[in-house]
Protein backbone atom coordinates (compact mmCIF):
# COMPACT_ATOMS: atom_id res chain seq x y z
CA MET A 1 -10.89 2.16 -22.62
CA THR A 2 -8.52 -0.29 -21.04
CA ARG A 3 -7.29 -0.14 -18.02
CA PRO A 4 -3.51 -0.03 -17.43
CA ALA A 5 -2.07 -2.59 -16.09
CA LEU A 6 -1.03 -2.63 -12.07
CA ARG A 7 2.63 -2.46 -12.27
CA LEU A 8 3.47 -0.75 -8.91
CA ILE A 9 1.71 -1.78 -5.18
CA ILE A 10 3.02 1.14 -2.51
CA GLY A 11 2.40 -0.16 1.05
CA LEU A 12 2.39 3.02 3.38
CA GLY A 13 3.94 2.61 6.51
CA ASN A 14 6.54 4.75 9.25
CA PRO A 15 9.85 3.25 9.87
CA GLY A 16 11.27 2.49 12.76
CA ALA A 17 10.61 0.27 15.50
CA GLU A 18 8.37 2.43 17.74
CA TYR A 19 5.98 2.58 14.75
CA ALA A 20 6.86 -1.60 13.39
CA GLU A 21 3.34 -2.61 15.22
CA THR A 22 0.68 0.45 14.81
CA ARG A 23 -2.19 0.67 13.22
CA HIS A 24 -0.30 2.80 10.14
CA ASN A 25 2.13 0.52 9.13
CA ALA A 26 -1.16 -1.79 7.50
CA GLY A 27 0.53 -1.03 3.94
CA PHE A 28 3.68 -2.23 5.36
CA TRP A 29 1.64 -5.43 6.41
CA PHE A 30 0.17 -6.11 3.08
CA CYS A 31 2.93 -5.66 0.82
CA GLU A 32 5.19 -8.38 3.59
CA ARG A 33 2.29 -10.99 3.44
CA LEU A 34 1.95 -10.40 -0.07
CA ALA A 35 5.69 -11.00 -1.21
CA ASN A 36 6.06 -14.02 1.29
CA ASP A 37 2.60 -15.28 -0.53
CA ILE A 38 4.27 -14.57 -3.96
CA LYS A 39 7.60 -15.90 -2.85
CA VAL A 40 9.54 -13.07 -3.36
CA SER A 41 12.12 -10.83 -1.08
CA PHE A 42 12.21 -6.68 -0.32
CA GLY A 43 15.41 -5.23 -0.69
CA LYS A 44 16.82 -1.88 1.30
CA GLU A 45 17.32 0.14 -2.25
CA SER A 46 18.89 3.87 -1.20
CA ARG A 47 18.08 5.38 -4.57
CA TYR A 48 13.94 4.39 -4.33
CA HIS A 49 14.56 5.85 -0.41
CA GLY A 50 12.50 2.44 0.32
CA TRP A 51 12.56 -1.22 0.27
CA VAL A 52 11.89 -2.94 -2.89
CA ALA A 53 10.72 -6.08 -4.07
CA ASN A 54 10.06 -7.15 -7.87
CA ALA A 55 7.77 -9.85 -9.01
CA ARG A 56 9.16 -10.10 -12.19
CA GLU A 57 6.57 -13.25 -13.15
CA ALA A 58 3.37 -10.77 -12.31
CA GLY A 59 5.12 -7.13 -13.57
CA ILE A 60 4.89 -5.96 -10.58
CA TRP A 61 7.19 -4.07 -8.60
CA LEU A 62 6.15 -3.99 -4.81
CA LEU A 63 7.66 -0.70 -2.34
CA MET A 64 8.00 -0.01 1.57
CA PRO A 65 8.76 3.47 1.17
CA ALA A 66 11.73 4.40 4.40
CA THR A 67 10.79 7.90 4.79
CA TYR A 68 8.06 8.57 6.90
CA MET A 69 4.39 8.78 6.40
CA ASN A 70 4.77 12.85 5.23
CA ASP A 71 7.19 11.97 2.79
CA SER A 72 6.31 8.44 0.86
CA GLY A 73 5.85 10.58 -2.63
CA ARG A 74 9.79 11.03 -2.84
CA ALA A 75 10.05 7.03 -2.47
CA VAL A 76 6.69 6.28 -5.32
CA GLN A 77 8.28 9.36 -6.95
CA ALA A 78 12.15 7.51 -7.45
CA LEU A 79 10.90 4.35 -8.45
CA ALA A 80 7.71 5.30 -10.39
CA HIS A 81 9.73 7.94 -12.84
CA PHE A 82 13.16 5.31 -13.08
CA TYR A 83 10.66 2.40 -14.43
CA ARG A 84 8.55 4.81 -16.26
CA ILE A 85 4.95 3.82 -13.90
CA GLN A 86 2.02 6.34 -14.38
CA PRO A 87 0.09 6.90 -11.50
CA ALA A 88 -2.78 4.78 -12.53
CA GLU A 89 -0.38 1.88 -13.16
CA MET A 90 0.04 1.99 -8.85
CA LEU A 91 -2.08 0.76 -5.57
CA VAL A 92 -1.38 2.68 -2.67
CA VAL A 93 -2.34 0.40 0.84
CA HIS A 94 -3.22 2.79 4.12
CA ASP A 95 -4.47 2.37 7.14
CA GLU A 96 -8.36 4.31 7.27
CA LEU A 97 -10.37 4.69 10.31
CA ASP A 98 -13.83 6.06 8.25
CA LEU A 99 -14.21 2.25 7.40
CA LEU A 100 -16.93 -0.47 9.02
CA PRO A 101 -13.89 -2.70 11.59
CA GLY A 102 -12.91 -5.84 9.02
CA ARG A 103 -13.06 -3.75 5.52
CA ALA A 104 -11.28 -1.95 2.60
CA GLN A 105 -12.25 -0.29 -0.37
CA LEU A 106 -10.26 -0.09 -3.14
CA ARG A 107 -11.05 2.96 -5.87
CA PHE A 108 -9.34 4.54 -7.73
CA GLY A 109 -8.24 8.56 -7.36
CA GLY A 110 -10.78 10.88 -5.02
CA GLY A 111 -10.10 12.67 -1.78
CA LEU A 112 -6.63 12.96 0.38
CA GLY A 113 -8.99 12.38 4.15
CA GLY A 114 -6.47 14.11 5.59
CA HIS A 115 -4.08 11.13 5.62
CA ASN A 116 -0.44 12.83 5.50
CA GLY A 117 1.72 9.43 2.78
CA LEU A 118 -1.52 10.53 0.51
CA LYS A 119 -0.92 14.10 0.40
CA SER A 120 2.49 13.22 0.18
CA LEU A 121 2.30 10.83 -3.14
CA THR A 122 -0.50 13.65 -4.08
CA SER A 123 2.00 16.25 -4.14
CA HIS A 124 5.26 14.17 -6.17
CA LEU A 125 2.89 12.88 -8.70
CA GLY A 126 1.15 15.64 -9.41
CA THR A 127 -2.39 13.96 -9.36
CA GLN A 128 -4.19 12.29 -7.25
CA ASP A 129 -5.02 9.98 -9.99
CA TYR A 130 -4.30 6.50 -8.37
CA TRP A 131 -5.58 2.97 -6.82
CA ARG A 132 -6.35 3.00 -3.33
CA LEU A 133 -6.70 0.05 -0.73
CA ARG A 134 -7.59 1.70 2.45
CA VAL A 135 -7.86 -0.74 5.42
CA PHE A 136 -9.48 -1.10 8.05
CA LEU A 137 -8.18 -3.13 11.61
CA ARG A 138 -9.77 -1.12 14.15
CA ASP A 139 -11.43 -3.76 15.91
CA VAL A 140 -8.11 -5.95 15.78
CA PHE A 141 -6.88 -2.16 17.58
CA LEU A 142 -9.31 -1.75 19.71
CA LEU A 143 -7.34 -2.81 22.98
CA ASN A 144 -3.76 -2.04 22.27
CA ASN A 145 -3.03 0.10 18.74
CA ARG A 146 -0.90 -2.77 17.87
CA ARG A 147 -0.42 -5.66 14.81
CA PRO A 148 -3.13 -7.96 15.07
CA THR A 149 -1.58 -11.07 16.69
CA SER A 150 -1.95 -14.05 13.83
CA TRP A 151 -5.09 -16.33 15.34
CA GLN A 152 -6.30 -12.47 14.72
CA VAL A 153 -5.21 -12.16 11.39
CA ALA A 154 -6.46 -16.06 10.42
CA ARG A 155 -9.69 -15.09 11.85
CA LEU A 156 -10.23 -11.79 10.20
CA ASP A 157 -8.90 -13.44 6.42
CA TYR A 158 -7.50 -10.10 5.14
CA TRP A 159 -4.58 -10.91 3.36
CA ARG A 160 -5.82 -13.20 0.50
CA TRP A 161 -8.82 -11.40 0.25
CA PHE A 162 -7.15 -8.81 -0.64
CA GLY A 163 -4.62 -10.39 -2.54
CA VAL A 164 -7.72 -11.04 -4.98
CA GLU A 165 -8.34 -7.67 -5.40
CA ILE A 166 -5.30 -6.12 -6.14
CA ILE A 167 -4.56 -8.13 -8.95
CA GLU A 168 -7.88 -7.39 -10.82
CA PRO A 169 -9.21 -3.88 -9.99
CA PRO A 170 -12.62 -2.48 -11.52
CA ALA A 171 -11.86 -0.39 -14.78
CA HIS A 172 -12.09 3.19 -14.34
CA GLY A 173 -12.54 5.81 -16.84
CA GLY A 174 -14.94 4.45 -19.07
């Protein structure tokens, strides 16, 4: 069985200035950095309840839901339904505290681990069978629970490594 192509990358986070720099927005930061690297821009799309970018050459949509984390499934469902994107063609990037510092884990399906964003997605999609990139940034947040500074991002070199991983996720289901 061949795996479906990745067509939608969702960065989970919370909108608003009071959340912009907290670890829960790691998914937003990932999408912002990826958009910058592939030279696409986000625009607010009210019909998809979020900020959307289309990397036409790669055939991939980027979505940062403008809903709060616990309602992010509504944004994902709206865009996925319109473009007929199946859950197995999605990658959800979110913060995670249960990994070693500076690590990420890519997997298909699995439990929700109490994550409200994943609960919302699963509820709206009707399945847990989508890709997840769990990002652990705890060492950056130990002192102030804020967005890493430029030197911290450079030192940890997360974003380039993640970009490679999401382009070719491992095959699943056989």
